[in-house]
């Protein structure tokens, strides 16, 4: 229970920073965005390609276990570029 509360407090503090530094196309784990948005964008892209008689390819990548096998040091390095040090240190404690 304590960690859930701590997680929510941290999220409230870092959410504005993350929203500012995340690209518009990123939909996963963001409020008011879902995979349905990504499917719609992909189908629109394909439809526009058909209308312009263009060839295209699509690659789907399954990252089911990606969070279990993430490189911790690399994750912390990337986080340190956009988040305050105290947040990175807190994430490091959890890892």
Protein backbone atom coordinates (compact mmCIF):
# COMPACT_ATOMS: atom_id res chain seq x y z
CA UNK A 1 0.00 0.00 0.00
CA UNK A 2 2.83 2.38 0.85
CA UNK A 3 4.54 1.86 -2.51
CA UNK A 4 1.30 2.42 -4.44
CA UNK A 5 0.83 5.73 -2.66
CA UNK A 6 4.47 6.69 -3.28
CA UNK A 7 4.12 5.71 -6.94
CA UNK A 8 1.09 8.00 -7.36
CA UNK A 9 2.84 10.90 -5.66
CA UNK A 10 5.90 10.55 -7.89
CA UNK A 11 3.76 10.22 -11.01
CA UNK A 12 1.91 13.45 -10.22
CA UNK A 13 5.22 15.27 -9.87
CA UNK A 14 6.89 13.95 -13.03
CA UNK A 15 3.89 13.71 -15.38
CA UNK A 16 4.21 17.31 -16.71
CA UNK A 17 7.91 16.75 -17.47
CA UNK A 18 7.23 13.46 -19.21
CA UNK A 19 4.35 14.86 -21.28
CA UNK A 20 6.59 17.71 -22.40
CA UNK A 21 9.47 15.47 -23.46
CA UNK A 22 7.49 12.60 -25.05
CA UNK A 23 6.75 12.60 -28.77
CA UNK A 24 3.13 12.98 -29.89
CA UNK A 25 3.07 9.55 -31.55
CA UNK A 26 3.74 7.77 -28.24
CA UNK A 27 0.42 6.40 -26.99
CA UNK A 28 1.24 3.65 -24.50
CA UNK A 29 0.79 4.45 -20.81
CA UNK A 30 -0.50 7.98 -21.49
CA UNK A 31 -3.85 9.36 -20.44
CA UNK A 32 -6.42 9.91 -23.20
CA UNK A 33 -4.34 7.81 -25.62
CA UNK A 34 -4.56 4.13 -26.43
CA UNK A 35 -3.54 1.48 -28.91
CA UNK A 36 -6.77 2.26 -30.78
CA UNK A 37 -5.24 5.63 -31.69
CA UNK A 38 -2.23 3.84 -33.12
CA UNK A 39 -4.38 1.42 -35.13
CA UNK A 40 -6.36 4.34 -36.55
CA UNK A 41 -3.17 6.21 -37.48
CA UNK A 42 -1.75 3.09 -39.17
CA UNK A 43 -4.94 2.40 -41.14
CA UNK A 44 -5.11 6.05 -42.25
CA UNK A 45 -1.47 5.87 -43.37
CA UNK A 46 -2.16 2.68 -45.34
CA UNK A 47 -5.31 4.12 -46.92
CA UNK A 48 -3.45 7.27 -48.00
CA UNK A 49 -0.73 5.07 -49.51
CA UNK A 50 -3.28 3.08 -51.50
CA UNK A 51 -4.84 6.28 -52.83
CA UNK A 52 -1.42 7.53 -53.95
CA UNK A 53 -0.57 4.05 -55.36
CA UNK A 54 2.48 3.75 -53.12
CA UNK A 55 4.11 0.57 -51.91
CA UNK A 56 4.63 0.17 -48.21
CA UNK A 57 5.65 -2.34 -45.61
CA UNK A 58 4.79 -2.74 -41.98
CA UNK A 59 6.76 -4.41 -39.20
CA UNK A 60 5.08 -5.47 -35.96
CA UNK A 61 7.28 -6.09 -32.96
CA UNK A 62 6.06 -7.99 -29.90
CA UNK A 63 7.62 -6.57 -26.74
CA UNK A 64 5.64 -8.69 -24.29
CA UNK A 65 8.55 -9.32 -21.92
CA UNK A 66 10.40 -6.08 -22.60
CA UNK A 67 9.80 -4.63 -19.15
CA UNK A 68 11.10 -7.75 -17.45
CA UNK A 69 14.35 -7.70 -19.40
CA UNK A 70 15.06 -3.96 -19.66
CA UNK A 71 18.69 -2.90 -19.22
CA UNK A 72 18.51 -1.10 -15.86
CA UNK A 73 21.58 1.10 -16.26
CA UNK A 74 20.48 2.21 -19.72
CA UNK A 75 16.99 3.02 -18.44
CA UNK A 76 18.41 5.11 -15.60
CA UNK A 77 20.70 6.94 -18.03
CA UNK A 78 17.78 7.85 -20.29
CA UNK A 79 15.65 8.92 -17.33
CA UNK A 80 18.45 11.14 -16.03
CA UNK A 81 18.29 13.16 -19.25
CA UNK A 82 14.68 14.27 -18.67
CA UNK A 83 13.88 13.84 -14.98
CA UNK A 84 15.24 15.32 -11.76
CA UNK A 85 17.95 13.37 -9.94
CA UNK A 86 15.68 12.48 -7.00
CA UNK A 87 13.29 10.68 -9.35
CA UNK A 88 16.08 8.70 -11.01
CA UNK A 89 17.48 7.75 -7.58
CA UNK A 90 14.01 6.60 -6.46
CA UNK A 91 13.55 4.47 -9.59
CA UNK A 92 17.03 3.00 -9.04
CA UNK A 93 16.00 1.96 -5.51
CA UNK A 94 12.97 0.13 -6.89
CA UNK A 95 15.01 -1.64 -9.56
